[in-house]
Full PDB file with SEQRES, HELIX, SHEET, SSBOND, CRYST1, ORIGX, SCALE, CONECT and MASTER records, all heavy atoms in Angstrom:
SEQRES   1 A   34  ASP ASN ALA LYS ASN THR VAL TYR LEU GLN MET ASN SER          
SEQRES   2 A   34  LEU LYS PRO GLU ASP THR ALA VAL TYR TYR CYS ALA ALA          
SEQRES   3 A   34  ASP PRO THR PRO THR MET ASN TYR                              
HELIX    1 AA1 PRO A   16  ASP A   18  5                                   3    
CRYST1    1.000    1.000    1.000  90.00  90.00  90.00 P 1           1          
ORIGX1      1.000000  0.000000  0.000000        0.00000                         
ORIGX2      0.000000  1.000000  0.000000        0.00000                         
ORIGX3      0.000000  0.000000  1.000000        0.00000                         
SCALE1      1.000000  0.000000  0.000000        0.00000                         
SCALE2      0.000000  1.000000  0.000000        0.00000                         
SCALE3      0.000000  0.000000  1.000000        0.00000                         
ATOM      1  N   ASP A   1       4.928   1.785   8.534  1.00  0.00           N  
ATOM      2  CA  ASP A   1       5.861   1.930   9.655  1.00  0.00           C  
ATOM      3  C   ASP A   1       6.927   2.896   9.158  1.00  0.00           C  
ATOM      4  O   ASP A   1       7.859   2.490   8.450  1.00  0.00           O  
ATOM      5  CB  ASP A   1       6.456   0.587  10.042  1.00  0.00           C  
ATOM      6  CG  ASP A   1       7.345   0.675  11.270  1.00  0.00           C  
ATOM      7  OD1 ASP A   1       7.827   1.793  11.569  1.00  0.00           O  
ATOM      8  OD2 ASP A   1       7.577  -0.356  11.897  1.00  0.00           O  
ATOM      9  N   ASN A   2       6.800   4.151   9.532  1.00  0.00           N  
ATOM     10  CA  ASN A   2       7.727   5.163   9.018  1.00  0.00           C  
ATOM     11  C   ASN A   2       9.149   4.935   9.560  1.00  0.00           C  
ATOM     12  O   ASN A   2      10.130   5.319   8.903  1.00  0.00           O  
ATOM     13  CB  ASN A   2       7.248   6.551   9.370  1.00  0.00           C  
ATOM     14  CG  ASN A   2       6.048   6.961   8.517  1.00  0.00           C  
ATOM     15  OD1 ASN A   2       5.764   6.353   7.482  1.00  0.00           O  
ATOM     16  ND2 ASN A   2       5.347   7.988   8.948  1.00  0.00           N  
ATOM     17  N   ALA A   3       9.263   4.351  10.714  1.00  0.00           N  
ATOM     18  CA  ALA A   3      10.602   4.082  11.262  1.00  0.00           C  
ATOM     19  C   ALA A   3      11.346   3.065  10.394  1.00  0.00           C  
ATOM     20  O   ALA A   3      12.581   3.097  10.314  1.00  0.00           O  
ATOM     21  CB  ALA A   3      10.474   3.573  12.681  1.00  0.00           C  
ATOM     22  N   LYS A   4      10.598   2.183   9.751  1.00  0.00           N  
ATOM     23  CA  LYS A   4      11.194   1.179   8.871  1.00  0.00           C  
ATOM     24  C   LYS A   4      11.054   1.557   7.401  1.00  0.00           C  
ATOM     25  O   LYS A   4      11.473   0.783   6.528  1.00  0.00           O  
ATOM     26  CB  LYS A   4      10.518  -0.173   9.108  1.00  0.00           C  
ATOM     27  CG  LYS A   4      10.753  -0.740  10.504  1.00  0.00           C  
ATOM     28  CD  LYS A   4      10.108  -2.123  10.653  1.00  0.00           C  
ATOM     29  CE  LYS A   4      10.373  -2.701  12.032  1.00  0.00           C  
ATOM     30  NZ  LYS A   4       9.736  -4.028  12.192  1.00  0.00           N  
ATOM     31  N   ASN A   5      10.442   2.707   7.133  1.00  0.00           N  
ATOM     32  CA  ASN A   5      10.208   3.116   5.732  1.00  0.00           C  
ATOM     33  C   ASN A   5       9.523   2.026   4.927  1.00  0.00           C  
ATOM     34  O   ASN A   5       9.910   1.746   3.782  1.00  0.00           O  
ATOM     35  CB  ASN A   5      11.535   3.518   5.060  1.00  0.00           C  
ATOM     36  CG  ASN A   5      12.076   4.817   5.599  1.00  0.00           C  
ATOM     37  OD1 ASN A   5      11.334   5.747   5.882  1.00  0.00           O  
ATOM     38  ND2 ASN A   5      13.369   4.871   5.788  1.00  0.00           N  
ATOM     39  N   THR A   6       8.507   1.446   5.522  1.00  0.00           N  
ATOM     40  CA  THR A   6       7.842   0.307   4.886  1.00  0.00           C  
ATOM     41  C   THR A   6       6.329   0.483   4.950  1.00  0.00           C  
ATOM     42  O   THR A   6       5.792   0.946   5.960  1.00  0.00           O  
ATOM     43  CB  THR A   6       8.225  -1.013   5.563  1.00  0.00           C  
ATOM     44  OG1 THR A   6       9.657  -1.165   5.483  1.00  0.00           O  
ATOM     45  CG2 THR A   6       7.588  -2.200   4.857  1.00  0.00           C  
ATOM     46  N   VAL A   7       5.677   0.125   3.868  1.00  0.00           N  
ATOM     47  CA  VAL A   7       4.230   0.129   3.795  1.00  0.00           C  
ATOM     48  C   VAL A   7       3.764  -1.305   3.558  1.00  0.00           C  
ATOM     49  O   VAL A   7       4.430  -2.065   2.840  1.00  0.00           O  
ATOM     50  CB  VAL A   7       3.743   1.032   2.633  1.00  0.00           C  
ATOM     51  CG1 VAL A   7       2.224   1.019   2.521  1.00  0.00           C  
ATOM     52  CG2 VAL A   7       4.239   2.443   2.833  1.00  0.00           C  
ATOM     53  N   TYR A   8       2.634  -1.617   4.118  1.00  0.00           N  
ATOM     54  CA  TYR A   8       2.125  -2.988   4.024  1.00  0.00           C  
ATOM     55  C   TYR A   8       0.712  -2.990   3.421  1.00  0.00           C  
ATOM     56  O   TYR A   8      -0.043  -2.036   3.553  1.00  0.00           O  
ATOM     57  CB  TYR A   8       2.062  -3.639   5.412  1.00  0.00           C  
ATOM     58  CG  TYR A   8       3.391  -3.613   6.132  1.00  0.00           C  
ATOM     59  CD1 TYR A   8       3.657  -2.611   7.078  1.00  0.00           C  
ATOM     60  CD2 TYR A   8       4.357  -4.569   5.896  1.00  0.00           C  
ATOM     61  CE1 TYR A   8       4.859  -2.579   7.750  1.00  0.00           C  
ATOM     62  CE2 TYR A   8       5.573  -4.535   6.567  1.00  0.00           C  
ATOM     63  CZ  TYR A   8       5.811  -3.540   7.489  1.00  0.00           C  
ATOM     64  OH  TYR A   8       7.011  -3.504   8.153  1.00  0.00           O  
ATOM     65  N   LEU A   9       0.388  -4.099   2.814  1.00  0.00           N  
ATOM     66  CA  LEU A   9      -0.969  -4.340   2.377  1.00  0.00           C  
ATOM     67  C   LEU A   9      -1.354  -5.750   2.815  1.00  0.00           C  
ATOM     68  O   LEU A   9      -0.866  -6.738   2.241  1.00  0.00           O  
ATOM     69  CB  LEU A   9      -1.128  -4.194   0.865  1.00  0.00           C  
ATOM     70  CG  LEU A   9      -2.570  -4.302   0.341  1.00  0.00           C  
ATOM     71  CD1 LEU A   9      -3.388  -3.102   0.825  1.00  0.00           C  
ATOM     72  CD2 LEU A   9      -2.603  -4.393  -1.187  1.00  0.00           C  
ATOM     73  N   GLN A  10      -2.154  -5.832   3.839  1.00  0.00           N  
ATOM     74  CA  GLN A  10      -2.645  -7.103   4.324  1.00  0.00           C  
ATOM     75  C   GLN A  10      -3.898  -7.465   3.516  1.00  0.00           C  
ATOM     76  O   GLN A  10      -4.876  -6.707   3.510  1.00  0.00           O  
ATOM     77  CB  GLN A  10      -2.979  -7.037   5.806  1.00  0.00           C  
ATOM     78  CG  GLN A  10      -3.558  -8.320   6.381  1.00  0.00           C  
ATOM     79  CD  GLN A  10      -2.561  -9.459   6.392  1.00  0.00           C  
ATOM     80  OE1 GLN A  10      -1.415  -9.254   6.749  1.00  0.00           O  
ATOM     81  NE2 GLN A  10      -3.014 -10.658   6.001  1.00  0.00           N  
ATOM     82  N   MET A  11      -3.840  -8.606   2.854  1.00  0.00           N  
ATOM     83  CA  MET A  11      -4.946  -9.028   1.996  1.00  0.00           C  
ATOM     84  C   MET A  11      -5.538 -10.320   2.546  1.00  0.00           C  
ATOM     85  O   MET A  11      -4.846 -11.339   2.584  1.00  0.00           O  
ATOM     86  CB  MET A  11      -4.431  -9.209   0.573  1.00  0.00           C  
ATOM     87  CG  MET A  11      -3.729  -8.008  -0.008  1.00  0.00           C  
ATOM     88  SD  MET A  11      -3.271  -8.180  -1.736  1.00  0.00           S  
ATOM     89  CE  MET A  11      -2.066  -9.496  -1.635  1.00  0.00           C  
ATOM     90  N   ASN A  12      -6.761 -10.243   2.970  1.00  0.00           N  
ATOM     91  CA  ASN A  12      -7.455 -11.410   3.520  1.00  0.00           C  
ATOM     92  C   ASN A  12      -8.582 -11.841   2.587  1.00  0.00           C  
ATOM     93  O   ASN A  12      -9.060 -11.058   1.765  1.00  0.00           O  
ATOM     94  CB  ASN A  12      -8.018 -11.084   4.898  1.00  0.00           C  
ATOM     95  CG  ASN A  12      -6.948 -10.739   5.903  1.00  0.00           C  
ATOM     96  OD1 ASN A  12      -5.827 -11.245   5.843  1.00  0.00           O  
ATOM     97  ND2 ASN A  12      -7.289  -9.855   6.836  1.00  0.00           N  
ATOM     98  N   SER A  13      -9.022 -13.081   2.761  1.00  0.00           N  
ATOM     99  CA  SER A  13     -10.128 -13.605   1.980  1.00  0.00           C  
ATOM    100  C   SER A  13      -9.939 -13.327   0.495  1.00  0.00           C  
ATOM    101  O   SER A  13     -10.840 -12.792  -0.185  1.00  0.00           O  
ATOM    102  CB  SER A  13     -11.448 -12.990   2.451  1.00  0.00           C  
ATOM    103  OG  SER A  13     -11.652 -13.252   3.828  1.00  0.00           O  
ATOM    104  N   LEU A  14      -8.789 -13.671  -0.004  1.00  0.00           N  
ATOM    105  CA  LEU A  14      -8.452 -13.370  -1.406  1.00  0.00           C  
ATOM    106  C   LEU A  14      -9.382 -14.116  -2.363  1.00  0.00           C  
ATOM    107  O   LEU A  14      -9.809 -15.250  -2.118  1.00  0.00           O  
ATOM    108  CB  LEU A  14      -6.995 -13.728  -1.683  1.00  0.00           C  
ATOM    109  CG  LEU A  14      -6.001 -12.690  -1.145  1.00  0.00           C  
ATOM    110  CD1 LEU A  14      -4.599 -13.285  -1.039  1.00  0.00           C  
ATOM    111  CD2 LEU A  14      -5.993 -11.459  -2.020  1.00  0.00           C  
ATOM    112  N   LYS A  15      -9.650 -13.448  -3.481  1.00  0.00           N  
ATOM    113  CA  LYS A  15     -10.539 -13.995  -4.507  1.00  0.00           C  
ATOM    114  C   LYS A  15      -9.768 -14.077  -5.822  1.00  0.00           C  
ATOM    115  O   LYS A  15      -8.806 -13.337  -6.025  1.00  0.00           O  
ATOM    116  CB  LYS A  15     -11.741 -13.072  -4.686  1.00  0.00           C  
ATOM    117  CG  LYS A  15     -12.471 -12.732  -3.410  1.00  0.00           C  
ATOM    118  CD  LYS A  15     -13.488 -11.636  -3.646  1.00  0.00           C  
ATOM    119  CE  LYS A  15     -14.124 -11.172  -2.358  1.00  0.00           C  
ATOM    120  NZ  LYS A  15     -15.059 -10.041  -2.571  1.00  0.00           N  
ATOM    121  N   PRO A  16     -10.189 -14.922  -6.724  1.00  0.00           N  
ATOM    122  CA  PRO A  16      -9.504 -14.989  -8.026  1.00  0.00           C  
ATOM    123  C   PRO A  16      -9.440 -13.645  -8.726  1.00  0.00           C  
ATOM    124  O   PRO A  16      -8.448 -13.344  -9.421  1.00  0.00           O  
ATOM    125  CB  PRO A  16     -10.350 -15.986  -8.807  1.00  0.00           C  
ATOM    126  CG  PRO A  16     -10.924 -16.898  -7.762  1.00  0.00           C  
ATOM    127  CD  PRO A  16     -11.202 -15.993  -6.601  1.00  0.00           C  
ATOM    128  N   GLU A  17     -10.437 -12.805  -8.537  1.00  0.00           N  
ATOM    129  CA  GLU A  17     -10.437 -11.478  -9.181  1.00  0.00           C  
ATOM    130  C   GLU A  17      -9.429 -10.528  -8.557  1.00  0.00           C  
ATOM    131  O   GLU A  17      -9.240  -9.421  -9.080  1.00  0.00           O  
ATOM    132  CB  GLU A  17     -11.831 -10.844  -9.152  1.00  0.00           C  
ATOM    133  CG  GLU A  17     -12.506 -10.823  -7.801  1.00  0.00           C  
ATOM    134  CD  GLU A  17     -13.463 -12.009  -7.604  1.00  0.00           C  
ATOM    135  OE1 GLU A  17     -13.104 -13.150  -7.990  1.00  0.00           O  
ATOM    136  OE2 GLU A  17     -14.553 -11.774  -7.056  1.00  0.00           O  
ATOM    137  N   ASP A  18      -8.783 -10.911  -7.478  1.00  0.00           N  
ATOM    138  CA  ASP A  18      -7.691 -10.115  -6.913  1.00  0.00           C  
ATOM    139  C   ASP A  18      -6.361 -10.401  -7.616  1.00  0.00           C  
ATOM    140  O   ASP A  18      -5.350  -9.738  -7.312  1.00  0.00           O  
ATOM    141  CB  ASP A  18      -7.538 -10.406  -5.413  1.00  0.00           C  
ATOM    142  CG  ASP A  18      -8.730  -9.953  -4.601  1.00  0.00           C  
ATOM    143  OD1 ASP A  18      -9.237  -8.847  -4.886  1.00  0.00           O  
ATOM    144  OD2 ASP A  18      -9.137 -10.677  -3.688  1.00  0.00           O  
ATOM    145  N   THR A  19      -6.351 -11.346  -8.518  1.00  0.00           N  
ATOM    146  CA  THR A  19      -5.141 -11.677  -9.260  1.00  0.00           C  
ATOM    147  C   THR A  19      -4.688 -10.481 -10.082  1.00  0.00           C  
ATOM    148  O   THR A  19      -5.467  -9.916 -10.865  1.00  0.00           O  
ATOM    149  CB  THR A  19      -5.375 -12.891 -10.189  1.00  0.00           C  
ATOM    150  OG1 THR A  19      -5.628 -14.034  -9.383  1.00  0.00           O  
ATOM    151  CG2 THR A  19      -4.181 -13.130 -11.078  1.00  0.00           C  
ATOM    152  N   ALA A  20      -3.433 -10.068  -9.896  1.00  0.00           N  
ATOM    153  CA  ALA A  20      -2.902  -8.893 -10.573  1.00  0.00           C  
ATOM    154  C   ALA A  20      -1.460  -8.697 -10.161  1.00  0.00           C  
ATOM    155  O   ALA A  20      -0.971  -9.341  -9.233  1.00  0.00           O  
ATOM    156  CB  ALA A  20      -3.698  -7.644 -10.203  1.00  0.00           C  
ATOM    157  N   VAL A  21      -0.799  -7.795 -10.878  1.00  0.00           N  
ATOM    158  CA  VAL A  21       0.483  -7.287 -10.393  1.00  0.00           C  
ATOM    159  C   VAL A  21       0.172  -6.078  -9.493  1.00  0.00           C  
ATOM    160  O   VAL A  21      -0.571  -5.184  -9.885  1.00  0.00           O  
ATOM    161  CB  VAL A  21       1.380  -6.849 -11.555  1.00  0.00           C  
ATOM    162  CG1 VAL A  21       2.691  -6.265 -11.024  1.00  0.00           C  
ATOM    163  CG2 VAL A  21       1.671  -8.041 -12.471  1.00  0.00           C  
ATOM    164  N   TYR A  22       0.734  -6.116  -8.295  1.00  0.00           N  
ATOM    165  CA  TYR A  22       0.491  -5.066  -7.315  1.00  0.00           C  
ATOM    166  C   TYR A  22       1.681  -4.124  -7.260  1.00  0.00           C  
ATOM    167  O   TYR A  22       2.828  -4.577  -7.104  1.00  0.00           O  
ATOM    168  CB  TYR A  22       0.203  -5.679  -5.950  1.00  0.00           C  
ATOM    169  CG  TYR A  22      -1.180  -6.249  -5.840  1.00  0.00           C  
ATOM    170  CD1 TYR A  22      -1.532  -7.414  -6.508  1.00  0.00           C  
ATOM    171  CD2 TYR A  22      -2.174  -5.613  -5.095  1.00  0.00           C  
ATOM    172  CE1 TYR A  22      -2.823  -7.929  -6.449  1.00  0.00           C  
ATOM    173  CE2 TYR A  22      -3.458  -6.128  -5.027  1.00  0.00           C  
ATOM    174  CZ  TYR A  22      -3.777  -7.278  -5.693  1.00  0.00           C  
ATOM    175  OH  TYR A  22      -5.045  -7.788  -5.628  1.00  0.00           O  
ATOM    176  N   TYR A  23       1.392  -2.835  -7.338  1.00  0.00           N  
ATOM    177  CA  TYR A  23       2.407  -1.813  -7.340  1.00  0.00           C  
ATOM    178  C   TYR A  23       2.281  -0.917  -6.123  1.00  0.00           C  
ATOM    179  O   TYR A  23       1.155  -0.509  -5.760  1.00  0.00           O  
ATOM    180  CB  TYR A  23       2.314  -0.941  -8.592  1.00  0.00           C  
ATOM    181  CG  TYR A  23       2.520  -1.684  -9.873  1.00  0.00           C  
ATOM    182  CD1 TYR A  23       1.436  -2.234 -10.559  1.00  0.00           C  
ATOM    183  CD2 TYR A  23       3.795  -1.819 -10.433  1.00  0.00           C  
ATOM    184  CE1 TYR A  23       1.618  -2.917 -11.746  1.00  0.00           C  
ATOM    185  CE2 TYR A  23       3.983  -2.484 -11.634  1.00  0.00           C  
ATOM    186  CZ  TYR A  23       2.898  -3.035 -12.282  1.00  0.00           C  
ATOM    187  OH  TYR A  23       3.081  -3.695 -13.465  1.00  0.00           O  
ATOM    188  N   CYS A  24       3.406  -0.580  -5.559  1.00  0.00           N  
ATOM    189  CA  CYS A  24       3.477   0.405  -4.495  1.00  0.00           C  
ATOM    190  C   CYS A  24       3.861   1.738  -5.126  1.00  0.00           C  
ATOM    191  O   CYS A  24       4.646   1.778  -6.081  1.00  0.00           O  
ATOM    192  CB  CYS A  24       4.539  -0.045  -3.502  1.00  0.00           C  
ATOM    193  SG  CYS A  24       4.982   1.114  -2.236  1.00  0.00           S  
ATOM    194  N   ALA A  25       3.326   2.836  -4.583  1.00  0.00           N  
ATOM    195  CA  ALA A  25       3.639   4.147  -5.145  1.00  0.00           C  
ATOM    196  C   ALA A  25       3.691   5.189  -4.042  1.00  0.00           C  
ATOM    197  O   ALA A  25       3.033   5.037  -3.000  1.00  0.00           O  
ATOM    198  CB  ALA A  25       2.583   4.528  -6.181  1.00  0.00           C  
ATOM    199  N   ALA A  26       4.481   6.233  -4.274  1.00  0.00           N  
ATOM    200  CA  ALA A  26       4.660   7.315  -3.284  1.00  0.00           C  
ATOM    201  C   ALA A  26       4.185   8.636  -3.889  1.00  0.00           C  
ATOM    202  O   ALA A  26       4.521   8.974  -5.022  1.00  0.00           O  
ATOM    203  CB  ALA A  26       6.127   7.415  -2.893  1.00  0.00           C  
ATOM    204  N   ASP A  27       3.435   9.352  -3.087  1.00  0.00           N  
ATOM    205  CA  ASP A  27       2.833  10.630  -3.494  1.00  0.00           C  
ATOM    206  C   ASP A  27       3.291  11.740  -2.555  1.00  0.00           C  
ATOM    207  O   ASP A  27       2.931  11.746  -1.368  1.00  0.00           O  
ATOM    208  CB  ASP A  27       1.313  10.485  -3.447  1.00  0.00           C  
ATOM    209  CG  ASP A  27       0.600  11.827  -3.660  1.00  0.00           C  
ATOM    210  OD1 ASP A  27       1.216  12.760  -4.174  1.00  0.00           O  
ATOM    211  OD2 ASP A  27      -0.600  11.909  -3.280  1.00  0.00           O  
ATOM    212  N   PRO A  28       4.125  12.670  -3.025  1.00  0.00           N  
ATOM    213  CA  PRO A  28       4.523  13.794  -2.164  1.00  0.00           C  
ATOM    214  C   PRO A  28       3.338  14.709  -1.914  1.00  0.00           C  
ATOM    215  O   PRO A  28       2.729  15.240  -2.863  1.00  0.00           O  
ATOM    216  CB  PRO A  28       5.605  14.498  -2.982  1.00  0.00           C  
ATOM    217  CG  PRO A  28       5.332  14.114  -4.404  1.00  0.00           C  
ATOM    218  CD  PRO A  28       4.694  12.779  -4.378  1.00  0.00           C  
ATOM    219  N   THR A  29       2.951  14.868  -0.665  1.00  0.00           N  
ATOM    220  CA  THR A  29       1.746  15.610  -0.316  1.00  0.00           C  
ATOM    221  C   THR A  29       2.068  16.834   0.531  1.00  0.00           C  
ATOM    222  O   THR A  29       3.092  16.892   1.195  1.00  0.00           O  
ATOM    223  CB  THR A  29       0.762  14.697   0.443  1.00  0.00           C  
ATOM    224  OG1 THR A  29       1.423  14.167   1.601  1.00  0.00           O  
ATOM    225  CG2 THR A  29       0.301  13.536  -0.414  1.00  0.00           C  
ATOM    226  N   PRO A  30       1.164  17.820   0.528  1.00  0.00           N  
ATOM    227  CA  PRO A  30       1.432  19.064   1.246  1.00  0.00           C  
ATOM    228  C   PRO A  30       1.328  18.933   2.766  1.00  0.00           C  
ATOM    229  O   PRO A  30       1.933  19.726   3.491  1.00  0.00           O  
ATOM    230  CB  PRO A  30       0.389  20.015   0.705  1.00  0.00           C  
ATOM    231  CG  PRO A  30      -0.721  19.148   0.219  1.00  0.00           C  
ATOM    232  CD  PRO A  30      -0.064  17.907  -0.285  1.00  0.00           C  
ATOM    233  N   THR A  31       0.574  17.950   3.249  1.00  0.00           N  
ATOM    234  CA  THR A  31       0.400  17.800   4.687  1.00  0.00           C  
ATOM    235  C   THR A  31       0.538  16.332   5.077  1.00  0.00           C  
ATOM    236  O   THR A  31       0.431  15.454   4.217  1.00  0.00           O  
ATOM    237  CB  THR A  31      -0.968  18.306   5.188  1.00  0.00           C  
ATOM    238  OG1 THR A  31      -1.978  17.385   4.715  1.00  0.00           O  
ATOM    239  CG2 THR A  31      -1.272  19.696   4.666  1.00  0.00           C  
ATOM    240  N   MET A  32       0.704  16.070   6.335  1.00  0.00           N  
ATOM    241  CA  MET A  32       0.950  14.708   6.785  1.00  0.00           C  
ATOM    242  C   MET A  32      -0.304  13.838   6.772  1.00  0.00           C  
ATOM    243  O   MET A  32      -0.225  12.619   6.847  1.00  0.00           O  
ATOM    244  CB  MET A  32       1.552  14.710   8.189  1.00  0.00           C  
ATOM    245  CG  MET A  32       0.624  15.209   9.275  1.00  0.00           C  
ATOM    246  SD  MET A  32       1.344  14.971  10.910  1.00  0.00           S  
ATOM    247  CE  MET A  32       2.720  16.104  10.839  1.00  0.00           C  
ATOM    248  N   ASN A  33      -1.461  14.450   6.659  1.00  0.00           N  
ATOM    249  CA  ASN A  33      -2.710  13.692   6.690  1.00  0.00           C  
ATOM    250  C   ASN A  33      -3.391  13.576   5.313  1.00  0.00           C  
ATOM    251  O   ASN A  33      -4.503  13.068   5.216  1.00  0.00           O  
ATOM    252  CB  ASN A  33      -3.695  14.316   7.659  1.00  0.00           C  
ATOM    253  CG  ASN A  33      -3.194  14.226   9.095  1.00  0.00           C  
ATOM    254  OD1 ASN A  33      -2.626  13.196   9.497  1.00  0.00           O  
ATOM    255  ND2 ASN A  33      -3.368  15.289   9.857  1.00  0.00           N  
ATOM    256  N   TYR A  34      -2.716  14.003   4.298  1.00  0.00           N  
ATOM    257  CA  TYR A  34      -3.309  14.088   2.965  1.00  0.00           C  
ATOM    258  C   TYR A  34      -3.165  12.772   2.214  1.00  0.00           C  
ATOM    259  O   TYR A  34      -2.084  12.164   2.264  1.00  0.00           O  
ATOM    260  CB  TYR A  34      -2.611  15.186   2.202  1.00  0.00           C  
ATOM    261  CG  TYR A  34      -3.337  15.728   1.001  1.00  0.00           C  
ATOM    262  CD1 TYR A  34      -4.289  16.739   1.131  1.00  0.00           C  
ATOM    263  CD2 TYR A  34      -3.069  15.259  -0.276  1.00  0.00           C  
ATOM    264  CE1 TYR A  34      -4.941  17.247   0.031  1.00  0.00           C  
ATOM    265  CE2 TYR A  34      -3.711  15.755  -1.392  1.00  0.00           C  
ATOM    266  CZ  TYR A  34      -4.651  16.756  -1.228  1.00  0.00           C  
ATOM    267  OH  TYR A  34      -5.306  17.259  -2.327  1.00  0.00           O  
TER     268      TYR A  34                                                      
MASTER        0    0    0    1    0    0    0    6  267    1    0    3          
END                                                                             
């Protein structure tokens, strides 16, 4: 949601192998669809 400057990750049907530290990251890109 760019209006809120927020990114989401909806995780369903979680498995034990999904256990981890989750990091968000930003990539400056040349175009809006990249």
